[in-house]
Protein backbone atom coordinates (compact mmCIF):
# COMPACT_ATOMS: atom_id res chain seq x y z
CA MET A 1 56.55 121.47 145.57
CA ASN A 2 54.79 121.53 142.20
CA PRO A 3 57.16 121.40 139.27
CA GLY A 4 57.37 124.84 137.55
CA ALA A 5 56.44 126.49 140.76
CA HIS A 6 57.92 129.39 142.18
CA LEU A 7 58.90 129.41 145.92
CA THR A 8 59.25 132.75 147.55
CA THR A 9 60.81 133.54 150.68
CA GLN A 10 61.48 137.00 152.16
CA HIS A 11 64.95 137.14 150.27
CA GLU A 12 64.85 135.11 147.27
CA THR A 13 62.56 133.39 144.59
CA VAL A 14 63.39 130.02 143.88
CA ILE A 15 62.46 128.48 140.12
CA ASP A 16 62.19 125.09 139.31
CA TYR A 17 64.85 125.11 136.38
CA ARG A 18 64.06 121.53 135.25
CA LYS A 19 60.66 122.89 134.10
CA LEU A 20 61.82 125.87 132.72
CA GLY A 21 64.63 123.69 130.63
CA ASP A 22 61.77 121.49 129.40
CA GLN A 23 59.91 124.62 128.26
CA MET A 24 62.87 126.35 126.40
CA ARG A 25 63.75 122.89 124.92
CA ASN A 26 60.33 122.19 123.59
CA LYS A 27 60.48 125.75 121.73
CA LEU A 28 64.00 125.50 120.43
CA CYS A 29 64.26 122.02 119.28
CA PRO A 30 61.88 122.28 116.23
CA ALA A 31 63.39 125.68 115.45
CA LEU A 32 66.92 124.34 115.35
CA ALA A 33 65.83 121.28 113.35
CA ILE A 34 64.17 123.48 110.75
CA ALA A 35 67.34 125.67 110.61
CA ALA A 36 69.66 122.65 110.42
CA CYS A 37 67.42 121.24 107.53
CA ALA A 38 67.55 124.67 105.60
CA ALA A 39 71.19 124.79 105.94
CA MET A 40 71.72 121.07 104.76
CA GLY A 41 69.35 121.85 101.70
CA ALA A 42 71.24 125.15 101.19
CA PHE A 43 74.69 123.35 101.11
CA ALA A 44 73.21 120.48 98.71
CA LEU A 45 72.04 123.10 96.39
CA ILE A 46 75.33 124.92 96.37
CA GLY A 47 77.30 121.66 95.91
CA TRP A 48 74.94 120.54 93.19
CA ALA A 49 75.13 123.75 91.31
CA ALA A 50 78.90 124.15 91.81
CA GLU A 51 79.69 120.81 91.02
CA PRO A 52 80.34 120.92 87.26
CA GLY A 53 82.85 123.98 87.70
CA LEU A 54 84.82 122.55 90.57
CA ALA A 55 85.13 119.14 89.11
CA GLN A 56 87.57 120.86 86.77
CA GLY A 57 89.55 122.60 89.74
CA PRO A 58 89.55 126.16 90.36
CA SER A 59 89.87 128.64 87.29
CA PRO A 60 92.90 130.85 86.68
CA ALA A 61 90.77 134.04 87.31
CA LEU A 62 90.01 132.60 90.96
CA LEU A 63 93.60 131.69 91.49
CA ALA A 64 94.75 135.22 90.43
CA GLU A 65 92.28 136.72 92.67
CA GLN A 66 93.97 134.54 95.35
CA GLY A 67 97.46 135.96 94.58
CA TRP A 68 98.68 133.32 92.25
CA THR A 69 100.78 134.55 89.09
CA CYS A 70 98.90 133.40 85.93
CA VAL A 71 100.44 133.64 82.37
CA THR A 72 99.99 132.49 79.05
CA PRO A 73 103.15 130.60 78.61
CA PRO A 74 104.97 129.93 75.20
CA VAL A 75 104.12 126.40 75.24
CA PRO A 76 101.37 125.64 72.30
CA ASP A 77 99.37 122.88 74.26
CA VAL A 78 99.06 125.16 77.47
CA GLY A 79 96.51 128.07 77.34
CA MET A 80 97.35 129.33 80.96
CA ALA A 81 99.79 128.36 83.68
CA CYS A 82 99.43 129.76 87.19
CA PHE A 83 102.16 129.60 89.74
CA ASN A 84 101.97 129.73 93.38
CA PRO A 85 101.68 132.73 95.29
CA GLY A 86 104.63 134.64 96.30
CA LEU A 87 106.82 132.87 94.00
CA GLY A 88 106.00 134.22 90.48
CA ARG A 89 106.71 132.87 87.30
CA PRO A 90 110.01 131.36 86.54
CA PRO A 91 112.47 133.46 84.66
CA ILE A 92 113.08 132.31 80.97
CA PRO A 93 115.62 131.48 80.34
CA PRO A 94 116.62 129.95 83.87
CA VAL A 95 119.10 131.80 85.90
CA GLU A 96 121.56 129.78 87.84
CA ASP A 97 120.96 131.74 91.28
CA GLY A 98 117.17 131.48 90.93
CA ARG A 99 114.92 129.21 92.72
CA PRO A 100 115.61 125.55 91.85
CA SER A 101 112.13 124.57 91.08
CA TYR A 102 108.60 125.82 90.19
CA THR A 103 105.32 124.25 90.31
CA ALA A 104 102.11 125.17 88.22
CA MET A 105 98.67 124.55 87.39
CA LEU A 106 98.01 124.14 83.83
CA TRP A 107 94.99 124.79 81.37
CA THR A 108 94.49 124.00 77.75
CA PRO A 109 93.74 126.76 75.52
CA SER A 110 89.91 125.98 75.46
CA GLY A 111 90.13 126.47 79.61
CA GLU A 112 89.98 122.88 80.73
CA LEU A 113 92.14 121.84 83.54
CA LEU A 114 95.30 120.05 82.10
CA GLY A 115 97.06 119.23 85.29
CA HIS A 116 100.06 120.10 87.21
CA ALA A 117 103.79 120.77 86.11
CA HIS A 118 106.83 120.66 88.17
CA LEU A 119 109.81 122.47 86.71
CA ILE A 120 113.45 122.09 87.57
CA ARG A 121 116.33 124.27 86.63
CA PRO A 122 118.77 122.42 83.95
CA ASP A 123 122.03 122.82 85.98
CA LEU A 124 120.23 120.95 88.75
CA TYR A 125 118.43 118.10 87.00
CA ALA A 126 120.48 114.80 87.21
CA GLY A 127 118.13 112.10 85.88
CA GLN A 128 116.10 111.68 88.94
CA PRO A 129 112.51 110.54 88.41
CA CYS A 130 109.53 112.80 88.78
CA PRO A 131 107.96 112.35 92.34
CA GLN A 132 104.37 112.99 90.89
CA THR A 133 104.53 110.33 88.17
CA GLY A 134 107.72 108.26 88.51
CA GLY A 135 108.75 108.95 84.93
CA LEU A 136 111.46 111.17 83.99
CA TYR A 137 111.60 114.89 83.47
CA VAL A 138 111.53 116.03 79.90
CA LEU A 139 113.36 119.09 78.71
CA ASN A 140 111.23 121.88 77.66
CA PRO A 141 113.32 123.86 75.32
CA ARG A 142 110.65 126.57 75.16
CA LEU A 143 111.00 127.30 78.74
CA GLY A 144 114.60 125.95 79.33
CA TYR A 145 113.55 123.79 82.34
CA TYR A 146 113.22 120.17 82.96
CA GLU A 147 109.47 119.52 83.14
CA CYS A 148 107.35 116.77 84.58
CA ARG A 149 103.47 116.87 84.14
CA ARG A 150 100.76 115.19 85.94
CA THR A 151 97.81 115.60 83.88
CA SER A 152 94.26 114.67 84.27
CA GLY A 153 94.54 111.93 81.60
CA GLY A 154 98.06 110.53 82.81
CA SER A 155 101.65 111.87 82.83
CA ARG A 156 104.09 113.39 80.58
């Protein structure tokens, strides 16, 4: 039988699917290759255009849209602090029956990512080292919590 030929009997038509598959592959492969190249180019362009903003991490506005609680804290070197979704900001001063700790992302007053802070209630702090830096927590008198910061330029 000739490849691609149809064989007809009284009850059925038999098609050579190998030939049909070759024809479809010859038409689809170039189209898929073009689509893949276009997608890769688009992703590269998006990555290149977004790289400067993403290098600083997400913005407080983006985090707030995703359910984070973002506030201007009473700390002079911090312009904005965003706390995890569902947890909210810590009460100031701390309350003994409140959460034991809080984690926040911090930005400078000019909007640059400062780093992350881990806060522990003072009644629970017993001199343990900060897991993020290995250093000790520092009492932040404005917040009333012991604080450990992991900043983009080091630790505090």
